[in-house]
């Protein structure tokens, strides 16, 4: 991926962040009755073969099996998949604004045709299959319509439009750098296996010394040289994080749990796609597009180091 947010389909091409296993996305189904709407889903994996332009997904609000209470996995073309937009503050609309309305568990495309009192609006659906053609929605049920094109939102979201929590997260990079700069010699850390921003695996390491310009000399714990000494390497501060706290999973992991699997000396990101009959083993789809079996003891819940705090992904 040579440009931010842009990608092509093919062998050896890294999927963008919103197509990684466990990512939340929006999908436009092609089935009758759903055309013109975007529905929330979770990426499970890229369909096989690896150069396929289809992904296996699980919808969060569609296709509920009333007999089992579960939602089946579906294969969807990349053409109908986009990232889930960032949460936005409620906004004032005016007549003629292109908008999306939350209706029947999805976001439907349309236009504001009448402005009513108390932040209510008459919304005209674009979909020819929707009836009635117009409904009244409150401001909390509407969002400005945007198109995902070429890896970017058009029109781009302004910082003033984003939800308060999103703005606060964007205002904290300086704080992160300050906390990470306090790493001292001998600190136990984990370092990323690549420098492309995907950070698919993390390896245990020790800080040897700072070398300036937000870079550190580290020594791996699990990667050894021929003389059995830890391999040393200079790393950027953005590729270093503290070792995560242990979150016990005494019973078993569940389907779609985002995990990290111990493989080749590192912890690789993945998602549980099958709980095997032997509850101590699981089939995991790794961020490397491989499916492998792992024992319970070789898995841990995935956590992200964000702005100086450990966070768990949404279930």
C-alpha atoms as a PDB file:
ATOM      1  CA  UNK A   1       0.000   0.000   0.000  1.00  0.00           C
ATOM      2  CA  UNK A   2       1.934   2.983  -1.273  1.00  0.00           C
ATOM      3  CA  UNK A   3      -0.542   5.732  -0.442  1.00  0.00           C
ATOM      4  CA  UNK A   4      -2.576   6.238   2.687  1.00  0.00           C
ATOM      5  CA  UNK A   5      -5.935   4.539   2.408  1.00  0.00           C
ATOM      6  CA  UNK A   6      -5.324   3.246  -1.132  1.00  0.00           C
ATOM      7  CA  UNK A   7      -4.871  -0.371  -2.079  1.00  0.00           C
ATOM      8  CA  UNK A   8      -5.088  -2.871  -4.893  1.00  0.00           C
ATOM      9  CA  UNK A   9      -6.083  -6.504  -4.948  1.00  0.00           C
ATOM     10  CA  UNK A  10      -3.314  -9.017  -5.485  1.00  0.00           C
ATOM     11  CA  UNK A  11      -0.787 -11.343  -3.929  1.00  0.00           C
ATOM     12  CA  UNK A  12       1.431  -9.717  -1.325  1.00  0.00           C
ATOM     13  CA  UNK A  13      -0.763  -6.602  -1.049  1.00  0.00           C
ATOM     14  CA  UNK A  14      -1.544  -5.577   2.519  1.00  0.00           C
ATOM     15  CA  UNK A  15      -5.199  -4.933   3.276  1.00  0.00           C
ATOM     16  CA  UNK A  16      -5.947  -1.448   4.664  1.00  0.00           C
ATOM     17  CA  UNK A  17      -6.804  -1.145   8.386  1.00  0.00           C
ATOM     18  CA  UNK A  18     -10.582  -1.192   7.890  1.00  0.00           C
ATOM     19  CA  UNK A  19     -10.365  -4.606   6.171  1.00  0.00           C
ATOM     20  CA  UNK A  20      -8.322  -6.273   8.898  1.00  0.00           C
ATOM     21  CA  UNK A  21     -10.039  -9.142  10.812  1.00  0.00           C
ATOM     22  CA  UNK A  22     -12.194  -7.778  13.640  1.00  0.00           C
ATOM     23  CA  UNK A  23     -12.628  -4.315  12.080  1.00  0.00           C
ATOM     24  CA  UNK A  24     -16.084  -2.747  12.116  1.00  0.00           C
ATOM     25  CA  UNK A  25     -17.319  -1.679   8.710  1.00  0.00           C
ATOM     26  CA  UNK A  26     -20.470  -0.697   6.860  1.00  0.00           C
ATOM     27  CA  UNK A  27     -21.764  -2.810   3.972  1.00  0.00           C
ATOM     28  CA  UNK A  28     -24.367  -2.133   1.296  1.00  0.00           C
ATOM     29  CA  UNK A  29     -26.190  -5.456   0.687  1.00  0.00           C
ATOM     30  CA  UNK A  30     -27.522  -6.196  -2.780  1.00  0.00           C
ATOM     31  CA  UNK A  31     -30.600  -8.073  -1.584  1.00  0.00           C
ATOM     32  CA  UNK A  32     -34.092  -6.814  -2.352  1.00  0.00           C
ATOM     33  CA  UNK A  33     -35.343  -4.465   0.358  1.00  0.00           C
ATOM     34  CA  UNK A  34     -31.865  -3.391   1.464  1.00  0.00           C
ATOM     35  CA  UNK A  35     -30.725  -1.388  -1.560  1.00  0.00           C
ATOM     36  CA  UNK A  36     -29.762   2.158  -0.720  1.00  0.00           C
ATOM     37  CA  UNK A  37     -28.756   1.404   2.882  1.00  0.00           C
ATOM     38  CA  UNK A  38     -25.515   0.711   4.756  1.00  0.00           C
ATOM     39  CA  UNK A  39     -25.479  -1.846   7.572  1.00  0.00           C
ATOM     40  CA  UNK A  40     -22.918  -2.463  10.307  1.00  0.00           C
ATOM     41  CA  UNK A  41     -20.755  -5.597  10.097  1.00  0.00           C
ATOM     42  CA  UNK A  42     -17.473  -7.088  11.298  1.00  0.00           C
ATOM     43  CA  UNK A  43     -14.673  -8.290   9.039  1.00  0.00           C
ATOM     44  CA  UNK A  44     -13.854 -11.951   9.704  1.00  0.00           C
ATOM     45  CA  UNK A  45     -11.242 -12.626   7.004  1.00  0.00           C
ATOM     46  CA  UNK A  46     -10.446 -12.268   3.320  1.00  0.00           C
ATOM     47  CA  UNK A  47     -12.103 -15.000   1.320  1.00  0.00           C
ATOM     48  CA  UNK A  48      -9.905 -17.645  -0.255  1.00  0.00           C
ATOM     49  CA  UNK A  49      -7.969 -17.660  -2.508  1.00  0.00           C
ATOM     50  CA  UNK A  50      -5.939 -14.869  -0.969  1.00  0.00           C
ATOM     51  CA  UNK A  51      -6.236 -12.642  -4.061  1.00  0.00           C
ATOM     52  CA  UNK A  52     -10.040 -12.811  -3.929  1.00  0.00           C
ATOM     53  CA  UNK A  53     -11.849  -9.484  -3.837  1.00  0.00           C
ATOM     54  CA  UNK A  54     -14.444 -10.887  -1.425  1.00  0.00           C
ATOM     55  CA  UNK A  55     -14.401 -10.852   2.367  1.00  0.00           C
ATOM     56  CA  UNK A  56     -16.149 -13.035   4.926  1.00  0.00           C
ATOM     57  CA  UNK A  57     -18.194 -10.784   7.208  1.00  0.00           C
ATOM     58  CA  UNK A  58     -20.726 -11.026   9.993  1.00  0.00           C
ATOM     59  CA  UNK A  59     -23.537  -8.460  10.075  1.00  0.00           C
ATOM     60  CA  UNK A  60     -24.408  -7.096  13.516  1.00  0.00           C
ATOM     61  CA  UNK A  61     -28.036  -6.151  12.767  1.00  0.00           C
ATOM     62  CA  UNK A  62     -29.074  -8.284   9.772  1.00  0.00           C
ATOM     63  CA  UNK A  63     -29.764 -11.924   8.947  1.00  0.00           C
ATOM     64  CA  UNK A  64     -30.612 -13.143  12.440  1.00  0.00           C
ATOM     65  CA  UNK A  65     -31.512 -16.846  12.492  1.00  0.00           C
ATOM     66  CA  UNK A  66     -34.569 -16.953  14.760  1.00  0.00           C
ATOM     67  CA  UNK A  67     -34.056 -20.667  15.429  1.00  0.00           C
ATOM     68  CA  UNK A  68     -30.457 -20.450  16.655  1.00  0.00           C
ATOM     69  CA  UNK A  69     -30.242 -16.789  17.681  1.00  0.00           C
ATOM     70  CA  UNK A  70     -27.033 -16.430  15.661  1.00  0.00           C
ATOM     71  CA  UNK A  71     -26.058 -14.505  12.530  1.00  0.00           C
ATOM     72  CA  UNK A  72     -24.470 -16.506   9.682  1.00  0.00           C
ATOM     73  CA  UNK A  73     -21.253 -15.485   7.982  1.00  0.00           C
ATOM     74  CA  UNK A  74     -21.617 -13.851   4.574  1.00  0.00           C
ATOM     75  CA  UNK A  75     -19.275 -13.261   1.640  1.00  0.00           C
ATOM     76  CA  UNK A  76     -19.290  -9.683   0.338  1.00  0.00           C
ATOM     77  CA  UNK A  77     -17.400  -7.977  -2.469  1.00  0.00           C
ATOM     78  CA  UNK A  78     -14.905  -5.308  -1.475  1.00  0.00           C
ATOM     79  CA  UNK A  79     -16.875  -2.926  -3.710  1.00  0.00           C
ATOM     80  CA  UNK A  80     -19.712  -2.842  -1.150  1.00  0.00           C
ATOM     81  CA  UNK A  81     -17.548  -2.492   1.981  1.00  0.00           C
ATOM     82  CA  UNK A  82     -16.379   0.764   3.558  1.00  0.00           C
ATOM     83  CA  UNK A  83     -15.027   1.808   6.988  1.00  0.00           C
ATOM     84  CA  UNK A  84     -17.450   2.702   9.738  1.00  0.00           C
ATOM     85  CA  UNK A  85     -17.542   6.525   9.906  1.00  0.00           C
ATOM     86  CA  UNK A  86     -16.284   8.206  13.060  1.00  0.00           C
ATOM     87  CA  UNK A  87     -19.023   9.212  15.533  1.00  0.00           C
ATOM     88  CA  UNK A  88     -20.219  12.758  14.918  1.00  0.00           C
ATOM     89  CA  UNK A  89     -21.999  15.393  16.944  1.00  0.00           C
ATOM     90  CA  UNK A  90     -25.674  16.105  16.119  1.00  0.00           C
ATOM     91  CA  UNK A  91     -25.833  18.944  13.606  1.00  0.00           C
ATOM     92  CA  UNK A  92     -28.318  21.351  12.095  1.00  0.00           C
ATOM     93  CA  UNK A  93     -29.526  20.455   8.610  1.00  0.00           C
ATOM     94  CA  UNK A  94     -31.059  22.595   5.928  1.00  0.00           C
ATOM     95  CA  UNK A  95     -33.386  21.775   3.068  1.00  0.00           C
ATOM     96  CA  UNK A  96     -31.475  20.141   0.227  1.00  0.00           C
ATOM     97  CA  UNK A  97     -28.756  18.567   2.416  1.00  0.00           C
ATOM     98  CA  UNK A  98     -27.785  15.050   1.367  1.00  0.00           C
ATOM     99  CA  UNK A  99     -28.065  12.932   4.505  1.00  0.00           C
ATOM    100  CA  UNK A 100     -28.305   9.400   5.879  1.00  0.00           C
ATOM    101  CA  UNK A 101     -31.183   8.397   8.171  1.00  0.00           C
ATOM    102  CA  UNK A 102     -31.004   5.518  10.654  1.00  0.00           C
ATOM    103  CA  UNK A 103     -34.017   3.344   9.808  1.00  0.00           C
ATOM    104  CA  UNK A 104     -34.674  -0.389  10.164  1.00  0.00           C
ATOM    105  CA  UNK A 105     -31.182  -1.044  11.608  1.00  0.00           C
ATOM    106  CA  UNK A 106     -29.308   0.660   8.751  1.00  0.00           C
ATOM    107  CA  UNK A 107     -28.270   4.041   7.364  1.00  0.00           C
ATOM    108  CA  UNK A 108     -30.407   4.982   4.336  1.00  0.00           C
ATOM    109  CA  UNK A 109     -29.340   7.576   1.782  1.00  0.00           C
ATOM    110  CA  UNK A 110     -31.655  10.482   1.042  1.00  0.00           C
ATOM    111  CA  UNK A 111     -32.192  14.235   1.220  1.00  0.00           C
ATOM    112  CA  UNK A 112     -33.721  16.725   3.668  1.00  0.00           C
ATOM    113  CA  UNK A 113     -36.898  18.184   2.109  1.00  0.00           C
ATOM    114  CA  UNK A 114     -38.605  19.984   5.012  1.00  0.00           C
ATOM    115  CA  UNK A 115     -37.282  21.479   8.254  1.00  0.00           C
ATOM    116  CA  UNK A 116     -39.730  21.105  11.154  1.00  0.00           C
ATOM    117  CA  UNK A 117     -39.676  22.368  14.734  1.00  0.00           C
ATOM    118  CA  UNK A 118     -37.695  20.835  17.608  1.00  0.00           C
ATOM    119  CA  UNK A 119     -34.831  19.598  15.374  1.00  0.00           C
ATOM    120  CA  UNK A 120     -37.041  17.305  13.312  1.00  0.00           C
ATOM    121  CA  UNK A 121     -36.822  16.937   9.548  1.00  0.00           C
ATOM    122  CA  UNK A 122     -38.787  15.362   6.704  1.00  0.00           C
ATOM    123  CA  UNK A 123     -36.433  12.953   4.934  1.00  0.00           C
ATOM    124  CA  UNK A 124     -36.899  11.726   1.362  1.00  0.00           C
ATOM    125  CA  UNK A 125     -35.399   8.281   0.680  1.00  0.00           C
ATOM    126  CA  UNK A 126     -33.350   7.860  -2.497  1.00  0.00           C
ATOM    127  CA  UNK A 127     -34.138   4.136  -2.654  1.00  0.00           C
ATOM    128  CA  UNK A 128     -36.969   3.305  -5.046  1.00  0.00           C
ATOM    129  CA  UNK A 129     -37.721   0.244  -2.910  1.00  0.00           C
ATOM    130  CA  UNK A 130     -38.427   2.196   0.297  1.00  0.00           C
ATOM    131  CA  UNK A 131     -42.053   2.933   1.209  1.00  0.00           C
ATOM    132  CA  UNK A 132     -43.249   5.376   2.382  1.00  0.00           C
ATOM    133  CA  UNK A 133     -40.910   7.639   0.420  1.00  0.00           C
ATOM    134  CA  UNK A 134     -40.770  10.263   3.197  1.00  0.00           C
ATOM    135  CA  UNK A 135     -40.496   9.951   6.975  1.00  0.00           C
ATOM    136  CA  UNK A 136     -39.810  12.334   9.851  1.00  0.00           C
ATOM    137  CA  UNK A 137     -36.506  11.891  11.711  1.00  0.00           C
ATOM    138  CA  UNK A 138     -34.997  13.653  14.694  1.00  0.00           C
ATOM    139  CA  UNK A 139     -31.537  15.175  14.442  1.00  0.00           C
ATOM    140  CA  UNK A 140     -30.033  12.279  16.440  1.00  0.00           C
ATOM    141  CA  UNK A 141     -31.203   9.856  13.724  1.00  0.00           C
ATOM    142  CA  UNK A 142     -29.480  11.744  10.903  1.00  0.00           C
ATOM    143  CA  UNK A 143     -25.936  12.243   9.707  1.00  0.00           C
ATOM    144  CA  UNK A 144     -24.428  14.163   6.809  1.00  0.00           C
ATOM    145  CA  UNK A 145     -24.032  11.887   3.795  1.00  0.00           C
ATOM    146  CA  UNK A 146     -20.446  11.095   2.824  1.00  0.00           C
ATOM    147  CA  UNK A 147     -18.984   8.878   0.121  1.00  0.00           C
ATOM    148  CA  UNK A 148     -15.969   6.586   0.623  1.00  0.00           C
ATOM    149  CA  UNK A 149     -13.896   6.989  -2.534  1.00  0.00           C
ATOM    150  CA  UNK A 150     -10.254   6.128  -3.212  1.00  0.00           C
ATOM    151  CA  UNK A 151      -9.525   5.585   0.485  1.00  0.00           C
ATOM    152  CA  UNK A 152     -10.965   8.920   1.650  1.00  0.00           C
ATOM    153  CA  UNK A 153     -14.275  10.306   2.901  1.00  0.00           C
ATOM    154  CA  UNK A 154     -15.836  12.911   0.616  1.00  0.00           C
ATOM    155  CA  UNK A 155     -16.505  15.508   1.826  1.00  0.00           C
ATOM    156  CA  UNK A 156     -13.928  15.017   4.619  1.00  0.00           C
ATOM    157  CA  UNK A 157     -15.169  15.309   8.194  1.00  0.00           C
ATOM    158  CA  UNK A 158     -14.136  18.488   9.987  1.00  0.00           C
ATOM    159  CA  UNK A 159     -12.703  18.258  13.479  1.00  0.00           C
ATOM    160  CA  UNK A 160     -15.583  20.402  14.790  1.00  0.00           C
ATOM    161  CA  UNK A 161     -18.055  17.764  13.544  1.00  0.00           C
ATOM    162  CA  UNK A 162     -16.530  14.817  15.363  1.00  0.00           C
ATOM    163  CA  UNK A 163     -17.854  13.501  18.632  1.00  0.00           C
ATOM    164  CA  UNK A 164     -16.225  14.961  21.750  1.00  0.00           C
ATOM    165  CA  UNK A 165     -14.446  11.691  22.565  1.00  0.00           C
ATOM    166  CA  UNK A 166     -12.973  11.502  19.052  1.00  0.00           C
ATOM    167  CA  UNK A 167     -11.643  15.059  19.322  1.00  0.00           C
ATOM    168  CA  UNK A 168     -10.074  14.360  22.681  1.00  0.00           C
ATOM    169  CA  UNK A 169      -8.282  11.296  21.329  1.00  0.00           C
ATOM    170  CA  UNK A 170      -6.852  13.367  18.490  1.00  0.00           C
ATOM    171  CA  UNK A 171      -5.558  16.011  20.905  1.00  0.00           C
ATOM    172  CA  UNK A 172      -3.369  13.648  22.944  1.00  0.00           C
ATOM    173  CA  UNK A 173      -0.367  12.675  20.715  1.00  0.00           C
ATOM    174  CA  UNK A 174       1.970  14.969  22.629  1.00  0.00           C
ATOM    175  CA  UNK A 175       1.002  13.266  25.867  1.00  0.00           C
ATOM    176  CA  UNK A 176       1.802   9.862  24.349  1.00  0.00           C
ATOM    177  CA  UNK A 177       5.251  10.921  23.261  1.00  0.00           C
ATOM    178  CA  UNK A 178       6.009  12.357  26.690  1.00  0.00           C
ATOM    179  CA  UNK A 179       5.041   9.107  28.406  1.00  0.00           C
ATOM    180  CA  UNK A 180       6.966   6.921  25.974  1.00  0.00           C
ATOM    181  CA  UNK A 181      10.054   9.119  26.264  1.00  0.00           C
ATOM    182  CA  UNK A 182      10.271   8.108  29.914  1.00  0.00           C
ATOM    183  CA  UNK A 183      11.321   4.580  28.924  1.00  0.00           C
ATOM    184  CA  UNK A 184      14.448   3.765  30.833  1.00  0.00           C
ATOM    185  CA  UNK A 185      17.275   1.323  30.252  1.00  0.00           C
ATOM    186  CA  UNK A 186      16.222  -2.205  31.153  1.00  0.00           C
ATOM    187  CA  UNK A 187      12.486  -1.536  30.688  1.00  0.00           C
ATOM    188  CA  UNK A 188      10.498  -4.582  29.546  1.00  0.00           C
ATOM    189  CA  UNK A 189       8.650  -3.789  26.339  1.00  0.00           C
ATOM    190  CA  UNK A 190       7.217  -5.259  23.151  1.00  0.00           C
ATOM    191  CA  UNK A 191       8.242  -4.086  19.691  1.00  0.00           C
ATOM    192  CA  UNK A 192       6.429  -4.313  16.362  1.00  0.00           C
ATOM    193  CA  UNK A 193       7.690  -6.615  13.662  1.00  0.00           C
ATOM    194  CA  UNK A 194       7.283  -4.092  10.831  1.00  0.00           C
ATOM    195  CA  UNK A 195       7.366  -0.379  10.147  1.00  0.00           C
ATOM    196  CA  UNK A 196       4.385  -0.056   7.798  1.00  0.00           C
ATOM    197  CA  UNK A 197       1.936   0.841  10.566  1.00  0.00           C
ATOM    198  CA  UNK A 198       0.018  -2.452  10.600  1.00  0.00           C
ATOM    199  CA  UNK A 199       1.900  -3.940  13.583  1.00  0.00           C
ATOM    200  CA  UNK A 200       0.694  -7.472  12.951  1.00  0.00           C
ATOM    201  CA  UNK A 201       3.018  -9.016  15.568  1.00  0.00           C
ATOM    202  CA  UNK A 202       4.716  -7.906  18.777  1.00  0.00           C
ATOM    203  CA  UNK A 203       7.930  -9.389  20.179  1.00  0.00           C
ATOM    204  CA  UNK A 204       9.187  -9.220  23.770  1.00  0.00           C
ATOM    205  CA  UNK A 205      12.263  -7.025  24.151  1.00  0.00           C
ATOM    206  CA  UNK A 206      14.317  -4.983  26.611  1.00  0.00           C
ATOM    207  CA  UNK A 207      15.316  -1.325  26.243  1.00  0.00           C
ATOM    208  CA  UNK A 208      19.123  -1.161  25.984  1.00  0.00           C
ATOM    209  CA  UNK A 209      19.494   2.606  25.711  1.00  0.00           C
ATOM    210  CA  UNK A 210      17.994   5.681  24.043  1.00  0.00           C
ATOM    211  CA  UNK A 211      19.852   6.778  20.903  1.00  0.00           C
ATOM    212  CA  UNK A 212      18.140  10.130  20.379  1.00  0.00           C
ATOM    213  CA  UNK A 213      15.476  11.457  18.014  1.00  0.00           C
ATOM    214  CA  UNK A 214      12.792   9.285  19.649  1.00  0.00           C
ATOM    215  CA  UNK A 215      14.644   6.074  18.835  1.00  0.00           C
ATOM    216  CA  UNK A 216      15.857   3.301  21.143  1.00  0.00           C
ATOM    217  CA  UNK A 217      18.296   0.433  20.948  1.00  0.00           C
ATOM    218  CA  UNK A 218      16.415  -2.717  21.974  1.00  0.00           C
ATOM    219  CA  UNK A 219      17.339  -6.341  22.495  1.00  0.00           C
ATOM    220  CA  UNK A 220      14.853  -9.094  21.662  1.00  0.00           C
ATOM    221  CA  UNK A 221      13.977 -11.692  24.304  1.00  0.00           C
ATOM    222  CA  UNK A 222      12.731 -14.363  21.921  1.00  0.00           C
ATOM    223  CA  UNK A 223      14.717 -13.700  18.736  1.00  0.00           C
ATOM    224  CA  UNK A 224      18.224 -15.128  19.087  1.00  0.00           C
ATOM    225  CA  UNK A 225      21.432 -15.005  17.071  1.00  0.00           C
ATOM    226  CA  UNK A 226      23.592 -18.053  16.273  1.00  0.00           C
ATOM    227  CA  UNK A 227      25.525 -17.649  19.528  1.00  0.00           C
ATOM    228  CA  UNK A 228      22.208 -17.620  21.481  1.00  0.00           C
ATOM    229  CA  UNK A 229      22.447 -13.941  22.375  1.00  0.00           C
ATOM    230  CA  UNK A 230      19.484 -11.600  21.964  1.00  0.00           C
ATOM    231  CA  UNK A 231      19.328  -9.830  18.641  1.00  0.00           C
ATOM    232  CA  UNK A 232      19.738  -6.056  18.959  1.00  0.00           C
ATOM    233  CA  UNK A 233      18.012  -3.455  16.805  1.00  0.00           C
ATOM    234  CA  UNK A 234      17.346   0.253  16.700  1.00  0.00           C
ATOM    235  CA  UNK A 235      13.593   1.023  16.824  1.00  0.00           C
ATOM    236  CA  UNK A 236      11.422   4.115  16.520  1.00  0.00           C
ATOM    237  CA  UNK A 237       9.369   5.026  19.576  1.00  0.00           C
ATOM    238  CA  UNK A 238       6.136   4.424  17.619  1.00  0.00           C
ATOM    239  CA  UNK A 239       7.079   0.747  17.259  1.00  0.00           C
ATOM    240  CA  UNK A 240       7.547   0.245  21.015  1.00  0.00           C
ATOM    241  CA  UNK A 241       4.975  -0.324  23.732  1.00  0.00           C
ATOM    242  CA  UNK A 242       5.000  -1.630  27.320  1.00  0.00           C
ATOM    243  CA  UNK A 243       4.208  -5.297  27.812  1.00  0.00           C
ATOM    244  CA  UNK A 244       0.411  -5.675  28.139  1.00  0.00           C
ATOM    245  CA  UNK A 245      -1.237  -6.724  31.384  1.00  0.00           C
ATOM    246  CA  UNK A 246      -2.416 -10.300  31.623  1.00  0.00           C
ATOM    247  CA  UNK A 247      -6.184 -10.730  31.210  1.00  0.00           C
ATOM    248  CA  UNK A 248      -7.074 -14.253  32.400  1.00  0.00           C
ATOM    249  CA  UNK A 249      -9.483 -16.260  30.255  1.00  0.00           C
ATOM    250  CA  UNK A 250     -10.089 -19.221  32.580  1.00  0.00           C
ATOM    251  CA  UNK A 251     -12.775 -20.989  30.550  1.00  0.00           C
ATOM    252  CA  UNK A 252     -12.501 -20.522  26.813  1.00  0.00           C
ATOM    253  CA  UNK A 253     -12.322 -17.927  24.080  1.00  0.00           C
ATOM    254  CA  UNK A 254     -15.414 -17.262  21.981  1.00  0.00           C
ATOM    255  CA  UNK A 255     -16.136 -16.854  18.291  1.00  0.00           C
ATOM    256  CA  UNK A 256     -14.935 -13.486  16.916  1.00  0.00           C
ATOM    257  CA  UNK A 257     -12.769 -12.764  19.947  1.00  0.00           C
ATOM    258  CA  UNK A 258      -9.852 -10.596  18.841  1.00  0.00           C
ATOM    259  CA  UNK A 259      -6.734 -12.318  20.096  1.00  0.00           C
ATOM    260  CA  UNK A 260      -2.978 -12.522  19.745  1.00  0.00           C
ATOM    261  CA  UNK A 261      -1.382 -15.893  19.081  1.00  0.00           C
ATOM    262  CA  UNK A 262       2.127 -16.942  20.123  1.00  0.00           C
ATOM    263  CA  UNK A 263       3.822 -17.948  16.874  1.00  0.00           C
ATOM    264  CA  UNK A 264       7.480 -17.881  15.816  1.00  0.00           C
ATOM    265  CA  UNK A 265       8.449 -16.098  19.009  1.00  0.00           C
ATOM    266  CA  UNK A 266       5.959 -13.225  18.668  1.00  0.00           C
ATOM    267  CA  UNK A 267       2.340 -12.389  19.405  1.00  0.00           C
ATOM    268  CA  UNK A 268       0.414 -12.197  16.123  1.00  0.00           C
ATOM    269  CA  UNK A 269      -2.943 -10.429  15.758  1.00  0.00           C
ATOM    270  CA  UNK A 270      -5.919 -12.560  14.768  1.00  0.00           C
ATOM    271  CA  UNK A 271      -9.548 -13.417  15.353  1.00  0.00           C
ATOM    272  CA  UNK A 272     -11.189 -16.648  16.576  1.00  0.00           C
ATOM    273  CA  UNK A 273     -13.138 -18.129  13.652  1.00  0.00           C
ATOM    274  CA  UNK A 274     -13.896 -21.547  15.138  1.00  0.00           C
ATOM    275  CA  UNK A 275     -14.012 -23.079  18.619  1.00  0.00           C
ATOM    276  CA  UNK A 276     -12.963 -26.671  18.065  1.00  0.00           C
ATOM    277  CA  UNK A 277     -14.626 -29.644  19.721  1.00  0.00           C
ATOM    278  CA  UNK A 278     -11.671 -29.783  22.056  1.00  0.00           C
ATOM    279  CA  UNK A 279     -12.306 -26.541  23.969  1.00  0.00           C
ATOM    280  CA  UNK A 280      -8.591 -26.066  24.535  1.00  0.00           C
ATOM    281  CA  UNK A 281      -7.978 -25.491  20.802  1.00  0.00           C
ATOM    282  CA  UNK A 282      -9.145 -22.816  18.406  1.00  0.00           C
ATOM    283  CA  UNK A 283      -8.947 -21.976  14.734  1.00  0.00           C
ATOM    284  CA  UNK A 284      -7.518 -18.474  14.343  1.00  0.00           C
ATOM    285  CA  UNK A 285      -7.427 -16.294  11.263  1.00  0.00           C
ATOM    286  CA  UNK A 286      -4.190 -14.310  11.516  1.00  0.00           C
ATOM    287  CA  UNK A 287      -3.534 -10.843  10.116  1.00  0.00           C
ATOM    288  CA  UNK A 288      -1.096 -12.581   7.762  1.00  0.00           C
ATOM    289  CA  UNK A 289      -4.147 -14.193   6.065  1.00  0.00           C
ATOM    290  CA  UNK A 290      -3.247 -17.620   7.483  1.00  0.00           C
ATOM    291  CA  UNK A 291      -5.628 -19.939   9.323  1.00  0.00           C
ATOM    292  CA  UNK A 292      -3.968 -21.907  12.110  1.00  0.00           C
ATOM    293  CA  UNK A 293      -4.907 -23.918  15.184  1.00  0.00           C
ATOM    294  CA  UNK A 294      -3.696 -22.769  18.591  1.00  0.00           C
ATOM    295  CA  UNK A 295      -3.948 -24.094  22.119  1.00  0.00           C
ATOM    296  CA  UNK A 296      -5.646 -22.004  24.757  1.00  0.00           C
ATOM    297  CA  UNK A 297      -2.297 -21.463  26.465  1.00  0.00           C
ATOM    298  CA  UNK A 298      -0.831 -19.876  23.311  1.00  0.00           C
ATOM    299  CA  UNK A 299      -3.511 -17.203  23.005  1.00  0.00           C
ATOM    300  CA  UNK A 300      -4.197 -13.943  24.781  1.00  0.00           C
ATOM    301  CA  UNK A 301      -6.869 -11.289  24.329  1.00  0.00           C
ATOM    302  CA  UNK A 302      -5.816  -8.516  21.964  1.00  0.00           C
ATOM    303  CA  UNK A 303      -5.193  -5.123  23.557  1.00  0.00           C
ATOM    304  CA  UNK A 304      -4.189  -1.772  22.050  1.00  0.00           C
ATOM    305  CA  UNK A 305      -1.795   0.705  23.629  1.00  0.00           C
ATOM    306  CA  UNK A 306      -3.577   4.017  22.966  1.00  0.00           C
ATOM    307  CA  UNK A 307      -2.483   7.333  24.445  1.00  0.00           C
ATOM    308  CA  UNK A 308      -0.713   5.791  27.394  1.00  0.00           C
ATOM    309  CA  UNK A 309      -3.513   3.358  28.281  1.00  0.00           C
ATOM    310  CA  UNK A 310      -4.351  -0.251  27.454  1.00  0.00           C
ATOM    311  CA  UNK A 311      -7.737  -0.663  25.759  1.00  0.00           C
ATOM    312  CA  UNK A 312      -9.630  -3.759  24.638  1.00  0.00           C
ATOM    313  CA  UNK A 313     -11.416  -3.774  21.257  1.00  0.00           C
ATOM    314  CA  UNK A 314     -15.199  -3.674  21.211  1.00  0.00           C
ATOM    315  CA  UNK A 315     -16.770  -7.158  21.237  1.00  0.00           C
END
